[in-house]
Amino acid sequence: MRLLVAYLATPGGADALALGARLARSFGAELDIAMVLPPDRVAPAPPGDFEAVLSDRASRWLADAAAQVDDDVTVTTHVAFAESSGAGIIEIAERIGASAIVVGGGGGGLIGTHSLGTVVNGLLHSSPLPLVVAPRGAYRAGISRIREITCAIGDRPGADELLDTATRFCAAAKVGLRLISLVAVEPVSGAVRDDESSLEAARAHARSLVDDARSRLPAEVPVSAEVVEGRHIEDAVHKLDWHDGDLIMVGSSRLAQPRRLFLGSTAAKMMRVLQVPMIVVPRGER
């Protein structure tokens, strides 16, 4: 397995690097660190100096980043030029056969502990690979390995693919899987809701998912399920217990094209209030 960190020499880049090293150590994966630079738009004199200077600077930044990763993780660095940083990152990820792309949430556009910049937003709506978003301050957490993967899963199309990805990640890291179903019970104008019926349906679905997950995982990997209700999704998420080393995995919106991400409203709401890394899995991911 190979994991690609989309790196910048910024606090957000440090968050992505720290999380990438944590994941690589947990999965027994190799870690690739990449920087994508803009091509020269002004004819320099002599030709090529601009890209050479920028590439040399990026190589030094990447060398500094690689030096921050402990020796138990194998690191490879990449520098590329592309008009679109997001497209450049995807091209590198596909070329090296990465299993996921890791990005830092620190940027523009505040969303709770995930402050998403333009490139990350673009990847959240275009990546063909799972995207792992590090919350701000991940580099200060001092967490070396994954403790547990929480998977927010429902019964919409793509749920089976999401469960397949979650079980593969849990098997690789040899960590437990917690399946959660979030039930929002906020009043709907003009509608009569049978919340107990909704909860019981969610519980029955959760029990079937546990059985399915256990059939896919080694016996030593624990599987649990929780159904949590709240006035809204953010309220329900707050009722869950979270620990250092936890991750949450969600599926791409049903609006996404196959093999592409599209961050849905439920995932965006969870991202506003959670302080744990989030893995967003594209539709059609296997």
Protein backbone atom coordinates (compact mmCIF):
# COMPACT_ATOMS: atom_id res chain seq x y z
CA MET A 1 0.00 0.00 0.00
CA ARG A 2 1.14 3.54 -0.77
CA LEU A 3 -0.30 6.76 0.65
CA LEU A 4 0.22 10.16 -0.96
CA VAL A 5 0.50 13.33 1.12
CA ALA A 6 -0.33 16.53 -0.78
CA TYR A 7 2.25 18.75 0.89
CA LEU A 8 2.82 22.46 1.38
CA ALA A 9 5.34 24.00 3.77
CA THR A 10 2.49 25.35 5.91
CA PRO A 11 0.74 24.28 9.14
CA GLY A 12 -1.86 22.51 6.99
CA GLY A 13 0.94 20.65 5.25
CA ALA A 14 2.41 19.68 8.61
CA ASP A 15 -1.00 18.31 9.65
CA ALA A 16 -1.22 16.21 6.47
CA LEU A 17 2.33 14.93 6.93
CA ALA A 18 1.76 13.90 10.54
CA LEU A 19 -1.48 12.13 9.67
CA GLY A 20 0.08 10.48 6.63
CA ALA A 21 2.89 9.07 8.77
CA ARG A 22 0.33 7.82 11.32
CA LEU A 23 -1.64 6.05 8.60
CA ALA A 24 1.43 4.60 6.90
CA ARG A 25 2.69 3.20 10.20
CA SER A 26 -0.72 1.70 10.99
CA PHE A 27 -1.25 0.17 7.54
CA GLY A 28 2.35 -0.90 6.96
CA ALA A 29 2.30 1.40 3.92
CA GLU A 30 4.91 3.44 2.09
CA LEU A 31 4.53 7.20 2.31
CA ASP A 32 4.84 9.46 -0.74
CA ILE A 33 5.05 13.23 -0.26
CA ALA A 34 4.31 15.45 -3.25
CA MET A 35 4.36 19.13 -4.12
CA VAL A 36 2.69 20.44 -7.28
CA LEU A 37 4.02 23.76 -8.54
CA PRO A 38 2.60 26.21 -11.08
CA PRO A 39 4.32 26.20 -14.50
CA ASP A 40 6.30 29.21 -15.60
CA ARG A 41 3.94 31.76 -17.15
CA VAL A 42 6.59 34.41 -17.86
CA ALA A 43 9.42 33.70 -20.28
CA PRO A 44 12.53 33.82 -18.08
CA ALA A 45 16.03 34.55 -19.23
CA PRO A 46 17.65 32.16 -19.72
CA PRO A 47 14.73 29.76 -20.40
CA GLY A 48 14.01 27.19 -17.71
CA ASP A 49 15.53 29.09 -14.77
CA PHE A 50 12.15 29.77 -13.13
CA GLU A 51 11.12 26.11 -12.94
CA ALA A 52 14.63 25.02 -11.97
CA VAL A 53 14.75 27.46 -9.05
CA LEU A 54 11.21 26.60 -7.91
CA SER A 55 11.86 22.86 -8.22
CA ASP A 56 15.06 23.17 -6.19
CA ARG A 57 13.24 25.07 -3.43
CA ALA A 58 10.42 22.52 -3.39
CA SER A 59 12.94 19.68 -3.22
CA ARG A 60 14.47 21.26 -0.12
CA TRP A 61 11.03 21.66 1.48
CA LEU A 62 10.27 18.03 0.73
CA ALA A 63 13.62 16.90 2.11
CA ASP A 64 12.83 18.76 5.34
CA ALA A 65 9.38 17.12 5.41
CA ALA A 66 10.80 13.63 4.83
CA ALA A 67 13.29 14.18 7.65
CA GLN A 68 10.38 14.71 10.06
CA VAL A 69 9.05 11.19 9.42
CA ASP A 70 10.46 8.46 11.67
CA ASP A 71 12.69 5.83 10.10
CA ASP A 72 10.05 3.09 10.49
CA VAL A 73 8.16 4.59 7.51
CA THR A 74 9.59 4.45 3.97
CA VAL A 75 9.33 7.89 2.31
CA THR A 76 9.53 8.96 -1.35
CA THR A 77 9.19 12.58 -2.51
CA HIS A 78 7.82 14.00 -5.77
CA VAL A 79 7.85 17.43 -7.43
CA ALA A 80 5.57 18.14 -10.40
CA PHE A 81 4.37 21.12 -12.43
CA ALA A 82 0.71 21.48 -13.36
CA GLU A 83 -1.81 24.23 -14.10
CA SER A 84 -4.15 22.69 -11.52
CA SER A 85 -2.67 21.61 -8.19
CA GLY A 86 -5.54 19.19 -7.58
CA ALA A 87 -5.19 17.59 -11.01
CA GLY A 88 -1.44 17.32 -10.50
CA ILE A 89 -1.91 15.54 -7.16
CA ILE A 90 -4.42 13.11 -8.69
CA GLU A 91 -2.04 12.38 -11.59
CA ILE A 92 0.80 11.53 -9.19
CA ALA A 93 -1.49 9.43 -6.99
CA GLU A 94 -2.72 7.37 -9.94
CA ARG A 95 0.75 6.99 -11.42
CA ILE A 96 2.24 5.54 -8.23
CA GLY A 97 -0.83 3.45 -7.42
CA ALA A 98 -1.69 5.25 -4.17
CA SER A 99 -4.53 3.85 -2.07
CA ALA A 100 -5.49 7.28 -0.69
CA ILE A 101 -4.56 10.96 -0.76
CA VAL A 102 -3.91 12.77 2.54
CA VAL A 103 -4.50 16.53 2.78
CA GLY A 104 -4.42 19.14 5.51
CA GLY A 105 -7.67 20.87 6.38
CA GLY A 106 -5.95 24.16 7.24
CA GLY A 107 -6.74 26.73 4.57
CA GLY A 108 -9.42 29.23 3.65
CA GLY A 109 -13.13 28.78 4.30
CA LEU A 110 -13.58 27.91 7.95
CA ILE A 111 -15.44 24.65 8.70
CA GLY A 112 -14.87 23.90 12.39
CA THR A 113 -11.49 22.27 12.90
CA HIS A 114 -11.27 21.62 9.15
CA SER A 115 -10.52 24.93 7.43
CA LEU A 116 -10.64 23.92 3.78
CA GLY A 117 -8.60 25.64 1.10
CA THR A 118 -9.27 25.79 -2.64
CA VAL A 119 -7.18 22.73 -3.52
CA VAL A 120 -8.72 20.56 -0.79
CA ASN A 121 -12.21 21.67 -1.76
CA GLY A 122 -11.42 20.76 -5.35
CA LEU A 123 -10.17 17.31 -4.37
CA LEU A 124 -13.27 16.76 -2.23
CA HIS A 125 -15.31 17.14 -5.40
CA SER A 126 -13.10 15.37 -7.91
CA SER A 127 -10.73 12.77 -6.45
CA PRO A 128 -11.07 9.20 -7.77
CA LEU A 129 -9.32 7.95 -4.62
CA PRO A 130 -10.26 8.07 -0.94
CA LEU A 131 -9.33 11.46 0.48
CA VAL A 132 -8.15 11.75 4.09
CA VAL A 133 -8.58 15.22 5.60
CA ALA A 134 -6.49 16.10 8.65
CA PRO A 135 -8.02 18.48 11.20
CA ARG A 136 -6.07 21.57 12.16
CA GLY A 137 -3.42 20.88 14.76
CA ALA A 138 -2.95 17.21 13.84
CA TYR A 139 0.82 17.68 13.80
CA ARG A 140 0.73 18.64 17.49
CA ALA A 141 -1.31 15.58 18.55
CA GLY A 142 1.65 13.23 18.94
CA ILE A 143 -0.44 10.19 17.89
CA SER A 144 1.60 7.43 16.26
CA ARG A 145 -1.07 4.92 15.20
CA ILE A 146 -4.76 4.48 14.45
CA ARG A 147 -6.88 3.28 17.38
CA GLU A 148 -10.23 2.58 15.67
CA ILE A 149 -12.08 3.37 12.45
CA THR A 150 -15.65 4.66 12.72
CA CYS A 151 -17.75 4.24 9.60
CA ALA A 152 -20.90 6.34 9.14
CA ILE A 153 -23.04 4.16 6.94
CA GLY A 154 -26.66 4.15 5.82
CA ASP A 155 -28.70 2.21 3.32
CA ARG A 156 -28.28 4.40 0.24
CA PRO A 157 -26.53 3.21 -2.95
CA GLY A 158 -22.79 2.91 -2.37
CA ALA A 159 -23.10 1.67 1.23
CA ASP A 160 -21.72 -1.75 0.35
CA GLU A 161 -18.68 -0.17 -1.32
CA LEU A 162 -18.10 2.01 1.75
CA LEU A 163 -18.31 -1.02 4.05
CA ASP A 164 -15.91 -2.91 1.79
CA THR A 165 -13.36 -0.07 2.00
CA ALA A 166 -13.78 0.23 5.78
CA THR A 167 -13.23 -3.48 6.36
CA ARG A 168 -10.16 -3.51 4.09
CA PHE A 169 -8.64 -0.58 5.99
CA CYS A 170 -9.43 -2.18 9.37
CA ALA A 171 -7.95 -5.51 8.29
CA ALA A 172 -4.78 -3.78 7.07
CA ALA A 173 -4.35 -1.80 10.31
CA LYS A 174 -5.67 -4.61 12.57
CA VAL A 175 -7.94 -2.14 14.37
CA GLY A 176 -11.58 -2.29 15.37
CA LEU A 177 -14.48 -1.09 13.26
CA ARG A 178 -17.34 0.94 14.75
CA LEU A 179 -20.39 1.28 12.52
CA ILE A 180 -22.62 4.25 13.27
CA SER A 181 -26.05 5.31 12.06
CA LEU A 182 -26.99 8.92 12.77
CA VAL A 183 -30.70 9.66 13.04
CA ALA A 184 -31.75 13.32 12.98
CA VAL A 185 -35.10 13.84 14.70
CA GLU A 186 -35.53 17.57 14.20
CA PRO A 187 -39.16 18.48 13.39
CA VAL A 188 -40.16 18.63 9.75
CA SER A 189 -42.67 21.35 8.93
CA GLY A 190 -46.07 19.94 7.97
CA ALA A 191 -45.01 16.31 8.47
CA VAL A 192 -45.75 13.75 11.14
CA ARG A 193 -42.71 11.70 12.06
CA ASP A 194 -42.57 8.26 13.63
CA ASP A 195 -39.15 8.61 15.23
CA GLU A 196 -39.32 5.31 17.13
CA SER A 197 -40.01 3.50 13.89
CA SER A 198 -37.03 5.25 12.27
CA LEU A 199 -34.79 4.30 15.17
CA GLU A 200 -35.84 0.66 15.12
CA ALA A 201 -35.23 0.47 11.39
CA ALA A 202 -31.77 1.96 11.95
CA ARG A 203 -31.04 -0.56 14.72
CA ALA A 204 -32.07 -3.49 12.53
CA HIS A 205 -29.90 -2.16 9.70
CA ALA A 206 -26.95 -1.72 12.08
CA ARG A 207 -27.26 -5.33 13.28
CA SER A 208 -27.18 -6.60 9.70
CA LEU A 209 -24.11 -4.48 8.96
CA VAL A 210 -22.26 -5.92 11.97
CA ASP A 211 -22.90 -9.44 10.70
CA ASP A 212 -21.76 -8.45 7.22
CA ALA A 213 -18.60 -6.73 8.49
CA ARG A 214 -17.67 -9.68 10.70
CA SER A 215 -17.92 -11.99 7.71
CA ARG A 216 -15.33 -9.84 5.89
CA LEU A 217 -12.87 -9.35 8.77
CA PRO A 218 -10.49 -11.63 10.67
CA ALA A 219 -11.98 -12.94 13.91
CA GLU A 220 -9.55 -10.88 16.02
CA VAL A 221 -10.79 -7.54 14.61
CA PRO A 222 -13.70 -6.31 16.77
CA VAL A 223 -16.85 -4.88 15.19
CA SER A 224 -19.47 -2.80 17.00
CA ALA A 225 -22.43 -0.66 16.01
CA GLU A 226 -24.17 2.38 17.48
CA VAL A 227 -27.38 4.14 16.49
CA VAL A 228 -27.35 7.74 17.70
CA GLU A 229 -30.21 10.20 17.51
CA GLY A 230 -30.10 13.96 17.86
CA ARG A 231 -31.99 17.11 16.94
CA HIS A 232 -29.75 17.29 13.91
CA ILE A 233 -26.67 15.50 12.55
CA GLU A 234 -24.21 17.70 14.44
CA ASP A 235 -26.02 16.99 17.71
CA ALA A 236 -25.96 13.23 17.06
CA VAL A 237 -22.24 13.25 16.24
CA HIS A 238 -21.50 15.08 19.51
CA LYS A 239 -23.10 12.22 21.47
CA LEU A 240 -20.48 9.75 20.26
CA ASP A 241 -17.33 9.09 22.27
CA TRP A 242 -14.10 9.92 20.44
CA HIS A 243 -10.52 9.01 21.42
CA ASP A 244 -7.01 9.85 20.26
CA GLY A 245 -6.21 7.86 17.14
CA ASP A 246 -9.81 7.57 15.92
CA LEU A 247 -10.79 8.15 12.28
CA ILE A 248 -14.20 8.55 10.71
CA MET A 249 -14.98 7.22 7.22
CA VAL A 250 -17.90 8.46 5.14
CA GLY A 251 -19.13 7.85 1.62
CA SER A 252 -19.25 10.35 -1.19
CA SER A 253 -22.57 12.01 -1.94
CA ARG A 254 -25.00 10.12 -4.16
CA LEU A 255 -24.65 13.11 -6.53
CA ALA A 256 -21.08 12.08 -7.35
CA GLN A 257 -20.12 10.52 -10.64
CA PRO A 258 -18.73 6.97 -10.37
CA ARG A 259 -15.11 6.93 -9.17
CA ARG A 260 -15.33 10.58 -8.13
CA LEU A 261 -15.85 12.32 -4.81
CA PHE A 262 -18.57 14.79 -3.99
CA LEU A 263 -18.78 15.89 -0.37
CA GLY A 264 -22.42 15.53 0.70
CA SER A 265 -24.29 17.66 3.19
CA THR A 266 -24.19 15.06 5.98
CA ALA A 267 -20.40 14.66 5.72
CA ALA A 268 -19.97 18.44 5.61
CA LYS A 269 -22.06 18.81 8.78
CA MET A 270 -19.95 16.20 10.57
CA MET A 271 -16.77 17.90 9.43
CA ARG A 272 -17.91 21.14 11.08
CA VAL A 273 -17.96 19.64 14.56
CA LEU A 274 -15.49 16.74 14.55
CA GLN A 275 -11.88 16.97 15.61
CA VAL A 276 -10.84 13.63 14.14
CA PRO A 277 -9.50 12.90 10.64
CA MET A 278 -12.14 12.13 8.02
CA ILE A 279 -11.78 9.68 5.13
CA VAL A 280 -14.16 10.36 2.23
CA VAL A 281 -14.61 7.37 -0.10
CA PRO A 282 -15.65 7.86 -3.75
CA ARG A 283 -18.56 6.02 -5.31
CA GLY A 284 -17.40 2.93 -7.15
CA GLU A 285 -14.25 2.64 -4.99
CA ARG A 286 -13.02 -0.95 -4.58
